[in-house]
Amino acid sequence: MAKDKIIGAIVMLLGILIAVVYTMGSVVDLWFDTLGKNPDWDAAFRFIGGVDWLDWRLFTVLPLWIMVLLIAIIAIWIGYSMLTVFEHFAGFKLNAGTRSIGRIRGRISC
């Protein structure tokens, strides 16, 4: 039970972190770039290579790219499964259990 609570706490904290960072990178950054007239508000977050990691365009394109990539991966997986599955499943035979149901049904009259 304690393990489930720890996992739940980690998931909750990650969700809060993702929500805060996404809000800062999308809505807050867009506001400062347009209405706030201060595009360098996030200069403190440019510690890795001088890149604006909280640019609103990145937070707009990245989720869309991830969704398109996931749809493509699912399509590739379905196509691969259809390509490699054996065709003998198309003409499957009923097992003995379902044949006995047919015999019973033949004896019942309505």
Protein backbone atom coordinates (compact mmCIF):
# COMPACT_ATOMS: atom_id res chain seq x y z
CA MET A 1 0.00 0.00 0.00
CA ALA A 2 2.83 2.41 0.80
CA LYS A 3 4.38 1.73 -2.61
CA ASP A 4 1.15 2.81 -4.32
CA LYS A 5 1.09 6.03 -2.31
CA ILE A 6 4.69 6.83 -3.27
CA ILE A 7 3.95 6.21 -6.94
CA GLY A 8 0.81 8.34 -6.64
CA ALA A 9 2.77 11.18 -5.05
CA ILE A 10 5.41 11.03 -7.79
CA VAL A 11 2.76 11.07 -10.53
CA MET A 12 0.96 13.98 -8.83
CA LEU A 13 4.18 16.01 -8.48
CA LEU A 14 5.16 15.34 -12.09
CA GLY A 15 1.69 16.45 -13.21
CA ILE A 16 1.99 19.67 -11.22
CA LEU A 17 5.49 20.30 -12.60
CA ILE A 18 4.37 19.71 -16.19
CA ALA A 19 1.33 21.99 -15.71
CA VAL A 20 3.44 24.81 -14.26
CA VAL A 21 6.22 24.58 -16.88
CA TYR A 22 3.71 24.32 -19.75
CA THR A 23 1.79 27.33 -18.45
CA MET A 24 4.99 29.37 -18.15
CA GLY A 25 6.16 28.34 -21.59
CA SER A 26 2.88 28.85 -23.40
CA VAL A 27 0.46 31.38 -21.95
CA VAL A 28 2.85 33.44 -19.82
CA ASP A 29 5.55 33.63 -22.50
CA LEU A 30 3.00 34.57 -25.17
CA TRP A 31 1.64 37.32 -22.91
CA PHE A 32 5.09 38.76 -22.21
CA ASP A 33 6.00 38.63 -25.93
CA THR A 34 2.83 40.41 -27.07
CA LEU A 35 1.02 42.51 -24.45
CA GLY A 36 3.71 42.60 -21.78
CA LYS A 37 6.33 44.02 -24.19
CA ASN A 38 9.08 42.19 -22.32
CA PRO A 39 10.30 39.25 -24.44
CA ASP A 40 13.36 38.74 -22.21
CA TRP A 41 11.38 37.98 -19.03
CA ASP A 42 12.71 34.42 -19.03
CA ALA A 43 16.42 35.22 -19.40
CA ALA A 44 17.14 33.33 -16.18
CA PHE A 45 15.90 30.09 -17.79
CA ARG A 46 18.40 30.27 -20.67
CA PHE A 47 21.09 28.41 -18.77
CA ILE A 48 21.56 25.59 -21.32
CA GLY A 49 23.22 26.91 -24.46
CA GLY A 50 21.45 30.26 -24.37
CA VAL A 51 18.31 28.73 -25.88
CA ASP A 52 14.90 30.16 -24.96
CA TRP A 53 13.44 26.95 -23.52
CA LEU A 54 10.22 28.72 -22.49
CA ASP A 55 9.39 30.05 -25.97
CA TRP A 56 5.63 29.80 -26.59
CA ARG A 57 6.23 28.50 -30.14
CA LEU A 58 8.09 25.49 -28.77
CA PHE A 59 5.21 24.73 -26.39
CA THR A 60 2.76 24.97 -29.29
CA VAL A 61 4.65 22.83 -31.79
CA LEU A 62 6.07 20.19 -29.42
CA PRO A 63 2.75 18.66 -28.21
CA LEU A 64 1.41 18.60 -31.77
CA TRP A 65 4.59 16.92 -32.98
CA ILE A 66 4.34 14.32 -30.20
CA MET A 67 0.69 13.56 -31.11
CA VAL A 68 1.51 13.20 -34.80
CA LEU A 69 4.47 10.98 -33.94
CA LEU A 70 2.31 8.76 -31.71
CA ILE A 71 -0.33 8.42 -34.43
CA ALA A 72 2.40 7.52 -36.92
CA ILE A 73 3.85 4.92 -34.53
CA ILE A 74 0.39 3.38 -34.04
CA ALA A 75 -0.12 3.29 -37.83
CA ILE A 76 3.29 1.66 -38.29
CA TRP A 77 2.46 -0.90 -35.59
CA ILE A 78 -0.92 -1.74 -37.17
CA GLY A 79 0.64 -2.02 -40.62
CA TYR A 80 3.44 -4.24 -39.34
CA SER A 81 0.94 -6.45 -37.51
CA MET A 82 -1.21 -6.79 -40.62
CA LEU A 83 1.85 -7.55 -42.73
CA THR A 84 3.28 -10.24 -40.48
CA VAL A 85 0.14 -12.02 -39.21
CA PHE A 86 -0.59 -15.47 -40.59
CA GLU A 87 -3.58 -15.77 -42.91
CA HIS A 88 -4.78 -19.08 -41.55
CA PHE A 89 -6.70 -17.16 -38.89
CA ALA A 90 -9.18 -15.95 -41.51
CA GLY A 91 -10.58 -19.45 -42.05
CA PHE A 92 -10.71 -20.57 -38.43
CA LYS A 93 -12.84 -23.53 -37.38
CA LEU A 94 -15.26 -23.59 -34.51
CA ASN A 95 -14.14 -25.60 -31.53
CA ALA A 96 -16.08 -28.51 -30.05
CA GLY A 97 -17.82 -26.32 -27.46
CA THR A 98 -19.58 -24.15 -30.01
CA ARG A 99 -20.52 -27.14 -32.18
CA SER A 100 -22.36 -28.69 -29.24
CA ILE A 101 -24.38 -25.49 -28.84
CA GLY A 102 -25.53 -25.87 -32.44
CA ARG A 103 -26.72 -29.42 -31.75
CA ILE A 104 -28.66 -28.32 -28.69
CA ARG A 105 -30.26 -25.45 -30.57
CA GLY A 106 -31.45 -27.84 -33.28
CA ARG A 107 -33.43 -29.84 -30.71
CA ILE A 108 -35.17 -26.84 -29.16
CA SER A 109 -38.32 -25.73 -30.91
CA CYS A 110 -40.16 -22.51 -30.30
